[in-house]
Amino acid sequence: MQDGIIVGIIFFSFAAVAFSFLYFAYRNKMALQETIRLAMEKGQNLSPESIEQILQSQAAPQKDFKRGILLVSLAVAIGLFGMLEGFDTTIIGLSLFPLALGAGYLLVWKFDQQAS
């Protein structure tokens, strides 16, 4: 019974983090669009190059690295929690999901560095 509650809490936590990430990314994009719309309404010339520059300034070059480290750290924390509390392999196996995602982000970051 206790394992089920812990797994439910972990899944709820993942859902809350994913929802928060998507919600704040949406708000950021809407604020950026509102800024561009107001600038165009006030008569400022916005060339496609300037809009592209604004959008490029929003993309952090180390974003994949940060996400990868965060997810790998989360996986290690979940795995250690499962081992230290004496749970069965359910919790430890659950930690493989963020570990795989984090490793993927780190690989994308590494390949992106080699390409540029």
Protein backbone atom coordinates (compact mmCIF):
# COMPACT_ATOMS: atom_id res chain seq x y z
CA MET A 1 0.00 0.00 0.00
CA GLN A 2 2.76 2.45 0.89
CA ASP A 3 4.61 1.81 -2.39
CA GLY A 4 1.47 2.73 -4.33
CA ILE A 5 1.11 6.00 -2.46
CA ILE A 6 4.75 6.94 -3.05
CA VAL A 7 4.50 6.09 -6.77
CA GLY A 8 1.30 8.16 -7.00
CA ILE A 9 2.99 11.12 -5.33
CA ILE A 10 5.95 10.87 -7.70
CA PHE A 11 3.70 10.72 -10.77
CA PHE A 12 1.70 13.68 -9.48
CA SER A 13 4.94 15.59 -8.94
CA PHE A 14 6.05 14.86 -12.51
CA ALA A 15 2.67 16.04 -13.80
CA ALA A 16 2.84 19.23 -11.72
CA VAL A 17 6.34 20.03 -12.98
CA ALA A 18 5.37 19.34 -16.60
CA PHE A 19 2.23 21.47 -16.29
CA SER A 20 4.18 24.33 -14.72
CA PHE A 21 6.83 24.19 -17.43
CA LEU A 22 4.25 24.23 -20.23
CA TYR A 23 2.19 26.97 -18.60
CA PHE A 24 5.10 29.34 -18.05
CA ALA A 25 6.50 28.67 -21.53
CA TYR A 26 3.06 29.56 -22.91
CA ARG A 27 2.94 32.77 -20.86
CA ASN A 28 6.43 33.74 -22.05
CA LYS A 29 5.48 33.24 -25.70
CA MET A 30 2.26 35.22 -25.29
CA ALA A 31 4.14 38.12 -23.67
CA LEU A 32 6.65 38.11 -26.52
CA GLN A 33 3.88 38.15 -29.12
CA GLU A 34 2.12 40.97 -27.29
CA THR A 35 5.35 43.01 -27.28
CA ILE A 36 5.83 42.51 -31.02
CA ARG A 37 2.18 43.36 -31.69
CA LEU A 38 2.40 46.59 -29.68
CA ALA A 39 5.60 47.59 -31.46
CA MET A 40 3.94 47.05 -34.84
CA GLU A 41 0.84 49.00 -33.78
CA LYS A 42 3.02 51.95 -32.77
CA GLY A 43 4.54 52.02 -36.24
CA GLN A 44 7.97 50.60 -35.56
CA ASN A 45 9.54 48.74 -38.46
CA LEU A 46 10.14 45.13 -37.56
CA SER A 47 11.95 43.29 -40.28
CA PRO A 48 11.99 39.49 -40.33
CA GLU A 49 15.64 39.68 -39.27
CA SER A 50 14.83 41.73 -36.17
CA ILE A 51 12.00 39.36 -35.20
CA GLU A 52 14.38 36.43 -35.69
CA GLN A 53 16.95 38.16 -33.48
CA ILE A 54 14.33 38.65 -30.75
CA LEU A 55 13.37 34.98 -30.95
CA GLN A 56 17.02 33.88 -30.88
CA SER A 57 17.64 35.92 -27.74
CA GLN A 58 14.94 33.84 -26.03
CA ALA A 59 16.78 30.56 -26.70
CA ALA A 60 19.51 29.91 -24.15
CA PRO A 61 22.45 28.00 -25.64
CA GLN A 62 22.94 25.93 -22.47
CA LYS A 63 19.26 24.97 -22.08
CA ASP A 64 19.77 21.29 -23.01
CA PHE A 65 22.71 20.99 -20.63
CA LYS A 66 20.74 22.49 -17.73
CA ARG A 67 17.74 20.26 -18.35
CA GLY A 68 19.94 17.19 -18.68
CA ILE A 69 21.74 17.84 -15.41
CA LEU A 70 18.46 18.55 -13.64
CA LEU A 71 16.84 15.34 -14.88
CA VAL A 72 19.87 13.18 -14.09
CA SER A 73 20.00 14.68 -10.59
CA LEU A 74 16.29 13.99 -10.15
CA ALA A 75 16.81 10.38 -11.22
CA VAL A 76 19.67 9.92 -8.78
CA ALA A 77 17.59 11.44 -5.98
CA ILE A 78 14.61 9.18 -6.69
CA GLY A 79 16.86 6.12 -6.96
CA LEU A 80 18.63 6.90 -3.69
CA PHE A 81 15.33 7.53 -1.96
CA GLY A 82 14.06 4.15 -3.12
CA MET A 83 17.22 2.37 -1.98
CA LEU A 84 17.51 4.12 1.39
CA GLU A 85 13.87 3.68 2.32
CA GLY A 86 13.96 -0.01 1.44
CA PHE A 87 11.28 0.10 -1.25
CA ASP A 88 11.17 -2.56 -3.89
CA THR A 89 12.47 -1.97 -7.39
CA THR A 90 9.38 0.03 -8.41
CA ILE A 91 10.79 3.34 -7.21
CA ILE A 92 14.28 2.57 -8.45
CA GLY A 93 12.87 1.55 -11.83
CA LEU A 94 10.83 4.75 -11.91
CA SER A 95 14.05 6.72 -11.62
CA LEU A 96 15.18 5.34 -14.97
CA PHE A 97 12.64 7.52 -16.79
CA PRO A 98 14.15 10.90 -15.84
CA LEU A 99 17.61 9.35 -16.18
CA ALA A 100 16.92 8.44 -19.81
CA LEU A 101 15.47 11.87 -20.54
CA GLY A 102 18.43 13.60 -18.89
CA ALA A 103 20.92 11.46 -20.82
CA GLY A 104 19.07 12.35 -24.02
CA TYR A 105 19.27 16.08 -23.28
CA LEU A 106 22.98 15.78 -22.50
CA LEU A 107 23.58 13.92 -25.77
CA VAL A 108 21.69 16.59 -27.73
CA TRP A 109 23.74 19.28 -26.00
CA LYS A 110 27.01 17.45 -26.79
CA PHE A 111 26.10 16.87 -30.45
CA ASP A 112 24.95 20.48 -30.81
CA GLN A 113 28.33 21.67 -29.50
CA GLN A 114 30.17 19.49 -32.00
CA ALA A 115 28.02 20.74 -34.90
CA SER A 116 28.79 24.41 -34.22
